[in-house]
């Protein structure tokens, strides 16, 4: 499968060959769903944490004597039935949401998503990306020029994929709300689905052919 290659000015500069083994697979909704859900769960942070009666502050002494008061017996003011007491069966930060996914399945799902995006013309290839300085206005100019290729490029989410880390590009792009940046070797099916367009720097395609 051949695609057009563009330069930083948004002008066509040639073509690139996309390997059929990566960009020519049929759609498999069940596989993509299973892998995307698993990868999303693996990124989920465990934030909620309730303190039980052993973790809340206070309650060191018995509120009143066991017998003779006419009131119900209690051993601590931090019992779950007291105001300010511990929480029973609450969420704990030790909870693990991660799910196991086989490497072959994850790779196949990624290739399936890339194939679908290639068919929908949602993959763009740049012959190179070089910023003279880490300036956001330079990045804005580049993506404005590329918007002549895709009209909604400035309003939809775009994932820029490169082969090697470029500090200037990273610093210039990080202030753009709809542009994200990652190395091609780190691309997952979840990340590919989360972005409308995938913008490959040409040398990043070699990561998948290898």
C-alpha atoms as a PDB file:
ATOM      1  CA  UNK A   1       0.000   0.000   0.000  1.00  0.00           C
ATOM      2  CA  UNK A   2       1.405   3.357  -1.054  1.00  0.00           C
ATOM      3  CA  UNK A   3       0.721   6.689   0.649  1.00  0.00           C
ATOM      4  CA  UNK A   4       1.746  10.229  -0.149  1.00  0.00           C
ATOM      5  CA  UNK A   5       4.631  11.789   1.765  1.00  0.00           C
ATOM      6  CA  UNK A   6       4.542  15.472   2.671  1.00  0.00           C
ATOM      7  CA  UNK A   7       7.170  17.948   3.797  1.00  0.00           C
ATOM      8  CA  UNK A   8       6.863  20.467   6.626  1.00  0.00           C
ATOM      9  CA  UNK A   9       5.273  22.994   4.280  1.00  0.00           C
ATOM     10  CA  UNK A  10       2.390  20.623   3.563  1.00  0.00           C
ATOM     11  CA  UNK A  11       3.522  19.945  -0.010  1.00  0.00           C
ATOM     12  CA  UNK A  12       3.739  16.489  -1.534  1.00  0.00           C
ATOM     13  CA  UNK A  13       7.334  15.269  -1.743  1.00  0.00           C
ATOM     14  CA  UNK A  14       6.985  11.611  -2.737  1.00  0.00           C
ATOM     15  CA  UNK A  15       5.428   8.322  -1.710  1.00  0.00           C
ATOM     16  CA  UNK A  16       6.070   5.688   0.928  1.00  0.00           C
ATOM     17  CA  UNK A  17       5.269   1.990   0.970  1.00  0.00           C
ATOM     18  CA  UNK A  18       3.216   0.739   3.917  1.00  0.00           C
ATOM     19  CA  UNK A  19       3.792  -2.981   4.550  1.00  0.00           C
ATOM     20  CA  UNK A  20       0.671  -5.094   4.030  1.00  0.00           C
ATOM     21  CA  UNK A  21       1.477  -7.167   7.131  1.00  0.00           C
ATOM     22  CA  UNK A  22       0.968  -4.060   9.273  1.00  0.00           C
ATOM     23  CA  UNK A  23      -1.379  -1.811   7.309  1.00  0.00           C
ATOM     24  CA  UNK A  24      -3.410  -4.326   5.289  1.00  0.00           C
ATOM     25  CA  UNK A  25      -5.224  -6.449   7.853  1.00  0.00           C
ATOM     26  CA  UNK A  26      -9.018  -6.893   7.980  1.00  0.00           C
ATOM     27  CA  UNK A  27     -10.995  -5.382  10.848  1.00  0.00           C
ATOM     28  CA  UNK A  28     -11.420  -7.552  13.958  1.00  0.00           C
ATOM     29  CA  UNK A  29     -13.725  -5.743  16.402  1.00  0.00           C
ATOM     30  CA  UNK A  30     -13.599  -8.406  19.135  1.00  0.00           C
ATOM     31  CA  UNK A  31      -9.807  -8.463  19.264  1.00  0.00           C
ATOM     32  CA  UNK A  32      -9.460  -4.672  19.210  1.00  0.00           C
ATOM     33  CA  UNK A  33     -12.080  -4.266  21.948  1.00  0.00           C
ATOM     34  CA  UNK A  34     -10.463  -6.848  24.222  1.00  0.00           C
ATOM     35  CA  UNK A  35      -6.986  -5.372  23.829  1.00  0.00           C
ATOM     36  CA  UNK A  36      -8.121  -1.735  24.138  1.00  0.00           C
ATOM     37  CA  UNK A  37     -10.086  -2.448  27.327  1.00  0.00           C
ATOM     38  CA  UNK A  38      -7.116  -4.317  28.823  1.00  0.00           C
ATOM     39  CA  UNK A  39      -4.631  -1.571  27.949  1.00  0.00           C
ATOM     40  CA  UNK A  40      -6.984   1.071  29.332  1.00  0.00           C
ATOM     41  CA  UNK A  41      -7.323  -0.888  32.570  1.00  0.00           C
ATOM     42  CA  UNK A  42      -3.541  -1.223  32.831  1.00  0.00           C
ATOM     43  CA  UNK A  43      -3.210   2.570  32.707  1.00  0.00           C
ATOM     44  CA  UNK A  44      -5.875   3.137  35.353  1.00  0.00           C
ATOM     45  CA  UNK A  45      -4.430   4.622  38.548  1.00  0.00           C
ATOM     46  CA  UNK A  46      -5.708   3.443  41.909  1.00  0.00           C
ATOM     47  CA  UNK A  47      -6.648   6.688  43.642  1.00  0.00           C
ATOM     48  CA  UNK A  48      -9.629   5.996  45.909  1.00  0.00           C
ATOM     49  CA  UNK A  49      -8.641   4.796  49.373  1.00  0.00           C
ATOM     50  CA  UNK A  50     -10.904   4.593  52.416  1.00  0.00           C
ATOM     51  CA  UNK A  51      -9.529   4.362  55.961  1.00  0.00           C
ATOM     52  CA  UNK A  52     -10.897   1.656  58.195  1.00  0.00           C
ATOM     53  CA  UNK A  53     -11.126   1.894  61.991  1.00  0.00           C
ATOM     54  CA  UNK A  54      -7.454   1.009  62.351  1.00  0.00           C
ATOM     55  CA  UNK A  55      -6.365   3.987  60.223  1.00  0.00           C
ATOM     56  CA  UNK A  56      -8.581   6.849  61.417  1.00  0.00           C
ATOM     57  CA  UNK A  57      -7.362   9.177  64.117  1.00  0.00           C
ATOM     58  CA  UNK A  58      -8.581   8.948  67.717  1.00  0.00           C
ATOM     59  CA  UNK A  59     -10.651   6.369  69.556  1.00  0.00           C
ATOM     60  CA  UNK A  60      -7.903   5.301  71.902  1.00  0.00           C
ATOM     61  CA  UNK A  61     -10.045   5.002  75.024  1.00  0.00           C
ATOM     62  CA  UNK A  62     -13.323   3.301  75.709  1.00  0.00           C
ATOM     63  CA  UNK A  63     -16.048   6.029  75.536  1.00  0.00           C
ATOM     64  CA  UNK A  64     -17.773   4.831  78.735  1.00  0.00           C
ATOM     65  CA  UNK A  65     -17.704   1.861  81.046  1.00  0.00           C
ATOM     66  CA  UNK A  66     -19.125  -1.438  79.928  1.00  0.00           C
ATOM     67  CA  UNK A  67     -21.967  -1.725  82.416  1.00  0.00           C
ATOM     68  CA  UNK A  68     -24.201   0.410  84.566  1.00  0.00           C
ATOM     69  CA  UNK A  69     -24.805   3.411  82.316  1.00  0.00           C
ATOM     70  CA  UNK A  70     -27.956   2.200  80.595  1.00  0.00           C
ATOM     71  CA  UNK A  71     -26.387   2.873  77.204  1.00  0.00           C
ATOM     72  CA  UNK A  72     -25.244   0.404  74.597  1.00  0.00           C
ATOM     73  CA  UNK A  73     -21.752  -0.941  75.053  1.00  0.00           C
ATOM     74  CA  UNK A  74     -18.985   0.548  72.874  1.00  0.00           C
ATOM     75  CA  UNK A  75     -15.265   0.004  72.743  1.00  0.00           C
ATOM     76  CA  UNK A  76     -14.180   2.883  70.505  1.00  0.00           C
ATOM     77  CA  UNK A  77     -15.516   6.138  69.076  1.00  0.00           C
ATOM     78  CA  UNK A  78     -13.911   5.174  65.782  1.00  0.00           C
ATOM     79  CA  UNK A  79     -16.207   2.221  65.186  1.00  0.00           C
ATOM     80  CA  UNK A  80     -17.809   2.304  61.708  1.00  0.00           C
ATOM     81  CA  UNK A  81     -21.226   3.054  63.256  1.00  0.00           C
ATOM     82  CA  UNK A  82     -19.943   6.275  64.846  1.00  0.00           C
ATOM     83  CA  UNK A  83     -19.590   9.638  63.116  1.00  0.00           C
ATOM     84  CA  UNK A  84     -15.922  10.093  62.243  1.00  0.00           C
ATOM     85  CA  UNK A  85     -15.363   6.369  62.443  1.00  0.00           C
ATOM     86  CA  UNK A  86     -13.724   4.092  59.926  1.00  0.00           C
ATOM     87  CA  UNK A  87     -15.274   2.968  56.647  1.00  0.00           C
ATOM     88  CA  UNK A  88     -16.398  -0.620  56.227  1.00  0.00           C
ATOM     89  CA  UNK A  89     -15.583  -2.365  52.944  1.00  0.00           C
ATOM     90  CA  UNK A  90     -14.468   0.868  51.277  1.00  0.00           C
ATOM     91  CA  UNK A  91     -12.155   1.140  48.229  1.00  0.00           C
ATOM     92  CA  UNK A  92      -8.476   0.474  48.898  1.00  0.00           C
ATOM     93  CA  UNK A  93      -5.409   1.723  47.040  1.00  0.00           C
ATOM     94  CA  UNK A  94      -4.106  -1.833  46.922  1.00  0.00           C
ATOM     95  CA  UNK A  95      -6.793  -2.761  44.364  1.00  0.00           C
ATOM     96  CA  UNK A  96      -5.275  -3.877  41.073  1.00  0.00           C
ATOM     97  CA  UNK A  97      -7.248  -3.109  37.887  1.00  0.00           C
ATOM     98  CA  UNK A  98      -4.664  -4.459  35.464  1.00  0.00           C
ATOM     99  CA  UNK A  99      -5.496  -7.208  32.992  1.00  0.00           C
ATOM    100  CA  UNK A 100      -3.148  -9.604  31.272  1.00  0.00           C
ATOM    101  CA  UNK A 101      -2.925  -9.379  27.508  1.00  0.00           C
ATOM    102  CA  UNK A 102      -0.739 -11.528  25.294  1.00  0.00           C
ATOM    103  CA  UNK A 103       1.971  -9.758  23.275  1.00  0.00           C
ATOM    104  CA  UNK A 104       0.795 -11.360  20.032  1.00  0.00           C
ATOM    105  CA  UNK A 105      -2.753 -10.159  20.649  1.00  0.00           C
ATOM    106  CA  UNK A 106      -1.582  -6.626  21.488  1.00  0.00           C
ATOM    107  CA  UNK A 107       0.548  -6.482  18.342  1.00  0.00           C
ATOM    108  CA  UNK A 108      -2.214  -7.895  16.141  1.00  0.00           C
ATOM    109  CA  UNK A 109      -4.748  -5.428  17.544  1.00  0.00           C
ATOM    110  CA  UNK A 110      -2.368  -2.515  16.888  1.00  0.00           C
ATOM    111  CA  UNK A 111      -1.845  -3.612  13.284  1.00  0.00           C
ATOM    112  CA  UNK A 112      -5.622  -3.996  12.869  1.00  0.00           C
ATOM    113  CA  UNK A 113      -6.208  -0.420  14.045  1.00  0.00           C
ATOM    114  CA  UNK A 114      -3.394   0.893  11.816  1.00  0.00           C
ATOM    115  CA  UNK A 115      -4.929  -0.941   8.858  1.00  0.00           C
ATOM    116  CA  UNK A 116      -8.331   0.627   9.514  1.00  0.00           C
ATOM    117  CA  UNK A 117      -6.809   4.090   9.769  1.00  0.00           C
ATOM    118  CA  UNK A 118      -4.868   3.551   6.539  1.00  0.00           C
ATOM    119  CA  UNK A 119      -8.098   2.633   4.734  1.00  0.00           C
ATOM    120  CA  UNK A 120      -9.808   5.733   6.174  1.00  0.00           C
ATOM    121  CA  UNK A 121      -6.918   8.009   5.104  1.00  0.00           C
ATOM    122  CA  UNK A 122      -6.157   8.906   8.705  1.00  0.00           C
ATOM    123  CA  UNK A 123      -2.425   8.212   8.425  1.00  0.00           C
ATOM    124  CA  UNK A 124      -0.074  10.958   7.234  1.00  0.00           C
ATOM    125  CA  UNK A 125       3.636  10.619   6.539  1.00  0.00           C
ATOM    126  CA  UNK A 126       6.209  13.407   6.810  1.00  0.00           C
ATOM    127  CA  UNK A 127       9.547  13.123   5.006  1.00  0.00           C
ATOM    128  CA  UNK A 128      11.173  14.741   8.037  1.00  0.00           C
ATOM    129  CA  UNK A 129      10.565  17.058  10.947  1.00  0.00           C
ATOM    130  CA  UNK A 130      13.229  19.498  12.030  1.00  0.00           C
ATOM    131  CA  UNK A 131      12.630  22.490  14.285  1.00  0.00           C
ATOM    132  CA  UNK A 132      15.354  25.091  14.508  1.00  0.00           C
ATOM    133  CA  UNK A 133      14.278  26.035  18.032  1.00  0.00           C
ATOM    134  CA  UNK A 134      11.842  24.685  20.634  1.00  0.00           C
ATOM    135  CA  UNK A 135       9.216  27.314  19.806  1.00  0.00           C
ATOM    136  CA  UNK A 136       5.482  26.630  19.860  1.00  0.00           C
ATOM    137  CA  UNK A 137       4.855  29.150  17.077  1.00  0.00           C
ATOM    138  CA  UNK A 138       7.080  27.095  14.759  1.00  0.00           C
ATOM    139  CA  UNK A 139       5.028  23.968  15.500  1.00  0.00           C
ATOM    140  CA  UNK A 140       1.805  25.924  14.932  1.00  0.00           C
ATOM    141  CA  UNK A 141       3.100  27.036  11.518  1.00  0.00           C
ATOM    142  CA  UNK A 142       3.948  23.451  10.535  1.00  0.00           C
ATOM    143  CA  UNK A 143       0.541  22.071  11.506  1.00  0.00           C
ATOM    144  CA  UNK A 144      -1.205  25.004   9.841  1.00  0.00           C
ATOM    145  CA  UNK A 145       0.572  24.139   6.588  1.00  0.00           C
ATOM    146  CA  UNK A 146      -0.350  20.459   6.995  1.00  0.00           C
ATOM    147  CA  UNK A 147      -3.983  21.487   7.478  1.00  0.00           C
ATOM    148  CA  UNK A 148      -4.090  22.062   3.722  1.00  0.00           C
ATOM    149  CA  UNK A 149      -3.858  18.266   3.402  1.00  0.00           C
ATOM    150  CA  UNK A 150      -6.513  17.552   6.076  1.00  0.00           C
ATOM    151  CA  UNK A 151      -8.850  20.439   6.811  1.00  0.00           C
ATOM    152  CA  UNK A 152      -9.699  19.284  10.343  1.00  0.00           C
ATOM    153  CA  UNK A 153      -6.096  18.605  11.372  1.00  0.00           C
ATOM    154  CA  UNK A 154      -6.036  21.617  13.703  1.00  0.00           C
ATOM    155  CA  UNK A 155      -9.266  20.682  15.470  1.00  0.00           C
ATOM    156  CA  UNK A 156      -8.937  16.893  15.798  1.00  0.00           C
ATOM    157  CA  UNK A 157      -6.512  14.929  17.966  1.00  0.00           C
ATOM    158  CA  UNK A 158      -3.210  14.153  16.257  1.00  0.00           C
ATOM    159  CA  UNK A 159      -0.498  11.771  17.434  1.00  0.00           C
ATOM    160  CA  UNK A 160       2.960  12.577  16.092  1.00  0.00           C
ATOM    161  CA  UNK A 161       5.174   9.481  15.928  1.00  0.00           C
ATOM    162  CA  UNK A 162       8.943   9.638  15.536  1.00  0.00           C
ATOM    163  CA  UNK A 163      11.801   7.125  15.597  1.00  0.00           C
ATOM    164  CA  UNK A 164      14.188   8.977  17.896  1.00  0.00           C
ATOM    165  CA  UNK A 165      13.551  11.498  20.616  1.00  0.00           C
ATOM    166  CA  UNK A 166      13.783  15.136  19.504  1.00  0.00           C
ATOM    167  CA  UNK A 167      13.849  17.564  22.426  1.00  0.00           C
ATOM    168  CA  UNK A 168      13.059  20.631  20.300  1.00  0.00           C
ATOM    169  CA  UNK A 169       9.938  19.006  18.852  1.00  0.00           C
ATOM    170  CA  UNK A 170       8.839  17.741  22.247  1.00  0.00           C
ATOM    171  CA  UNK A 171       9.074  21.183  23.842  1.00  0.00           C
ATOM    172  CA  UNK A 172       7.452  22.941  20.888  1.00  0.00           C
ATOM    173  CA  UNK A 173       4.457  20.593  20.690  1.00  0.00           C
ATOM    174  CA  UNK A 174       3.631  20.163  24.380  1.00  0.00           C
ATOM    175  CA  UNK A 175       1.624  23.419  24.526  1.00  0.00           C
ATOM    176  CA  UNK A 176      -0.650  22.434  21.632  1.00  0.00           C
ATOM    177  CA  UNK A 177      -3.843  20.947  23.122  1.00  0.00           C
ATOM    178  CA  UNK A 178      -4.724  18.568  20.289  1.00  0.00           C
ATOM    179  CA  UNK A 179      -1.203  17.347  19.474  1.00  0.00           C
ATOM    180  CA  UNK A 180       0.545  14.557  21.357  1.00  0.00           C
ATOM    181  CA  UNK A 181       3.978  13.072  20.789  1.00  0.00           C
ATOM    182  CA  UNK A 182       5.386   9.577  21.208  1.00  0.00           C
ATOM    183  CA  UNK A 183       8.005   7.194  19.888  1.00  0.00           C
ATOM    184  CA  UNK A 184       6.691   4.737  17.308  1.00  0.00           C
ATOM    185  CA  UNK A 185       7.986   1.771  19.297  1.00  0.00           C
ATOM    186  CA  UNK A 186       5.668   2.726  22.186  1.00  0.00           C
ATOM    187  CA  UNK A 187       2.490   2.895  20.101  1.00  0.00           C
ATOM    188  CA  UNK A 188      -0.431   0.797  21.366  1.00  0.00           C
ATOM    189  CA  UNK A 189      -3.870   0.010  19.972  1.00  0.00           C
ATOM    190  CA  UNK A 190      -5.454   2.083  22.750  1.00  0.00           C
ATOM    191  CA  UNK A 191      -3.335   5.125  21.896  1.00  0.00           C
ATOM    192  CA  UNK A 192      -3.985   4.745  18.170  1.00  0.00           C
ATOM    193  CA  UNK A 193      -7.748   4.597  18.782  1.00  0.00           C
ATOM    194  CA  UNK A 194      -7.621   7.639  21.064  1.00  0.00           C
ATOM    195  CA  UNK A 195      -6.343   9.889  18.254  1.00  0.00           C
ATOM    196  CA  UNK A 196      -8.061  10.773  14.992  1.00  0.00           C
ATOM    197  CA  UNK A 197      -4.894  11.130  12.915  1.00  0.00           C
ATOM    198  CA  UNK A 198      -1.517   9.399  13.142  1.00  0.00           C
ATOM    199  CA  UNK A 199       1.320  11.528  11.776  1.00  0.00           C
ATOM    200  CA  UNK A 200       4.423   9.438  11.087  1.00  0.00           C
ATOM    201  CA  UNK A 201       7.842  10.893  10.508  1.00  0.00           C
ATOM    202  CA  UNK A 202       9.057   8.715   7.630  1.00  0.00           C
ATOM    203  CA  UNK A 203      11.884   6.998   9.497  1.00  0.00           C
ATOM    204  CA  UNK A 204       9.389   5.939  12.186  1.00  0.00           C
ATOM    205  CA  UNK A 205       7.723   3.553   9.716  1.00  0.00           C
ATOM    206  CA  UNK A 206      10.856   1.401   9.730  1.00  0.00           C
ATOM    207  CA  UNK A 207      10.058   0.486  13.344  1.00  0.00           C
ATOM    208  CA  UNK A 208       7.042  -1.514  12.151  1.00  0.00           C
ATOM    209  CA  UNK A 209       8.754  -3.069   9.145  1.00  0.00           C
ATOM    210  CA  UNK A 210      11.425  -4.439  11.464  1.00  0.00           C
END
